[in-house]
Protein backbone atom coordinates (compact mmCIF):
# COMPACT_ATOMS: atom_id res chain seq x y z
CA UNK A 1 -43.93 47.56 111.27
CA UNK A 2 -45.97 49.83 109.03
CA UNK A 3 -46.45 53.49 110.11
CA UNK A 4 -49.88 54.49 111.27
CA UNK A 5 -51.82 56.11 108.48
CA UNK A 6 -53.95 59.14 109.13
CA UNK A 7 -57.59 58.35 109.29
CA UNK A 8 -59.59 58.50 106.08
CA UNK A 9 -61.79 61.62 106.12
CA UNK A 10 -65.53 61.15 106.26
CA UNK A 11 -66.83 60.48 102.76
CA UNK A 12 -70.22 59.73 101.34
CA UNK A 13 -70.65 56.33 99.76
CA UNK A 14 -70.66 58.03 96.34
CA UNK A 15 -67.39 59.90 97.09
CA UNK A 16 -65.77 56.66 98.15
CA UNK A 17 -66.96 55.03 94.94
CA UNK A 18 -65.60 57.95 92.88
CA UNK A 19 -62.19 57.67 94.56
CA UNK A 20 -61.97 53.92 94.13
CA UNK A 21 -62.91 54.16 90.39
CA UNK A 22 -60.55 57.10 89.90
CA UNK A 23 -57.56 55.24 91.41
CA UNK A 24 -58.29 52.12 89.38
CA UNK A 25 -58.24 54.21 86.26
CA UNK A 26 -54.96 55.90 87.37
CA UNK A 27 -53.43 52.47 88.01
CA UNK A 28 -54.35 51.37 84.48
CA UNK A 29 -52.99 54.59 82.96
CA UNK A 30 -49.71 53.96 84.80
CA UNK A 31 -49.55 50.55 83.18
CA UNK A 32 -50.17 52.06 79.73
CA UNK A 33 -47.58 54.88 80.14
CA UNK A 34 -45.24 54.55 77.12
CA UNK A 35 -42.46 56.23 79.03
CA UNK A 36 -42.23 53.28 81.39
CA UNK A 37 -40.60 49.96 80.57
CA UNK A 38 -42.87 47.03 79.89
CA UNK A 39 -44.36 45.04 77.07
CA UNK A 40 -47.06 46.05 74.65
CA UNK A 41 -49.36 43.24 75.65
CA UNK A 42 -49.51 44.53 79.21
CA UNK A 43 -50.31 48.01 77.92
CA UNK A 44 -52.94 46.63 75.59
CA UNK A 45 -54.71 44.74 78.38
CA UNK A 46 -54.62 47.85 80.57
CA UNK A 47 -56.07 49.98 77.74
CA UNK A 48 -58.86 47.50 77.23
CA UNK A 49 -59.70 47.54 80.94
CA UNK A 50 -59.53 51.26 81.06
CA UNK A 51 -62.61 51.56 78.84
CA UNK A 52 -64.62 49.64 81.46
CA UNK A 53 -63.12 51.58 84.34
CA UNK A 54 -63.86 54.93 82.64
CA UNK A 55 -67.50 53.96 82.33
CA UNK A 56 -67.57 53.04 86.08
CA UNK A 57 -65.94 56.40 86.85
CA UNK A 58 -68.55 58.16 84.74
CA UNK A 59 -71.30 56.25 86.58
CA UNK A 60 -69.87 57.21 89.99
CA UNK A 61 -69.92 60.85 89.06
CA UNK A 62 -73.40 60.58 87.60
CA UNK A 63 -74.58 58.89 90.84
CA UNK A 64 -73.19 61.78 92.88
CA UNK A 65 -74.83 64.33 90.67
CA UNK A 66 -78.19 62.53 90.82
CA UNK A 67 -78.05 62.36 94.64
CA UNK A 68 -77.56 66.11 94.80
CA UNK A 69 -73.82 65.93 95.45
CA UNK A 70 -73.00 68.58 92.87
CA UNK A 71 -69.73 69.82 94.35
CA UNK A 72 -66.37 68.02 94.70
CA UNK A 73 -64.71 68.94 97.98
CA UNK A 74 -61.19 69.03 96.71
CA UNK A 75 -59.40 69.35 100.04
CA UNK A 76 -61.23 66.47 101.61
CA UNK A 77 -60.91 64.26 98.51
CA UNK A 78 -57.16 65.07 98.26
CA UNK A 79 -56.65 64.03 101.85
CA UNK A 80 -58.48 60.76 101.18
CA UNK A 81 -56.36 60.22 98.04
CA UNK A 82 -53.16 60.65 100.03
CA UNK A 83 -54.28 58.12 102.59
CA UNK A 84 -55.16 55.74 99.74
CA UNK A 85 -51.58 56.12 98.31
CA UNK A 86 -52.86 58.26 95.41
CA UNK A 87 -49.67 60.25 95.07
CA UNK A 88 -47.53 57.16 94.43
CA UNK A 89 -50.11 55.65 92.09
CA UNK A 90 -50.56 58.86 90.12
CA UNK A 91 -46.77 59.29 89.82
CA UNK A 92 -46.70 56.28 87.48
CA UNK A 93 -48.73 58.27 84.96
CA UNK A 94 -46.18 61.08 84.84
CA UNK A 95 -42.93 61.04 82.92
CA UNK A 96 -40.08 59.41 84.93
CA UNK A 97 -37.32 61.77 86.07
CA UNK A 98 -34.49 62.43 83.63
CA UNK A 99 -31.45 60.32 84.38
CA UNK A 100 -28.17 62.25 84.01
CA UNK A 101 -25.66 60.53 81.65
């Protein structure tokens, strides 16, 4: 049985779109990470998709700005990212821990 997750904080539609696009880009960056095992074709496909996701991320931010949402509420968005498994997903972008020989 899965543990109960904390509720997602209240977000505007634009903030939700921003988080979705951000996490999609993070997932792709994790697949491209050269410090992780994998094949070059997988990384190439992820890099190609990243171009499209980056444009969607830009559009989400532009939409927020045009709607008058000119400030990112970091604490709220960080809580939402944690609920959406953002810490695990972003960890794939970082260097893996050093393995002692």
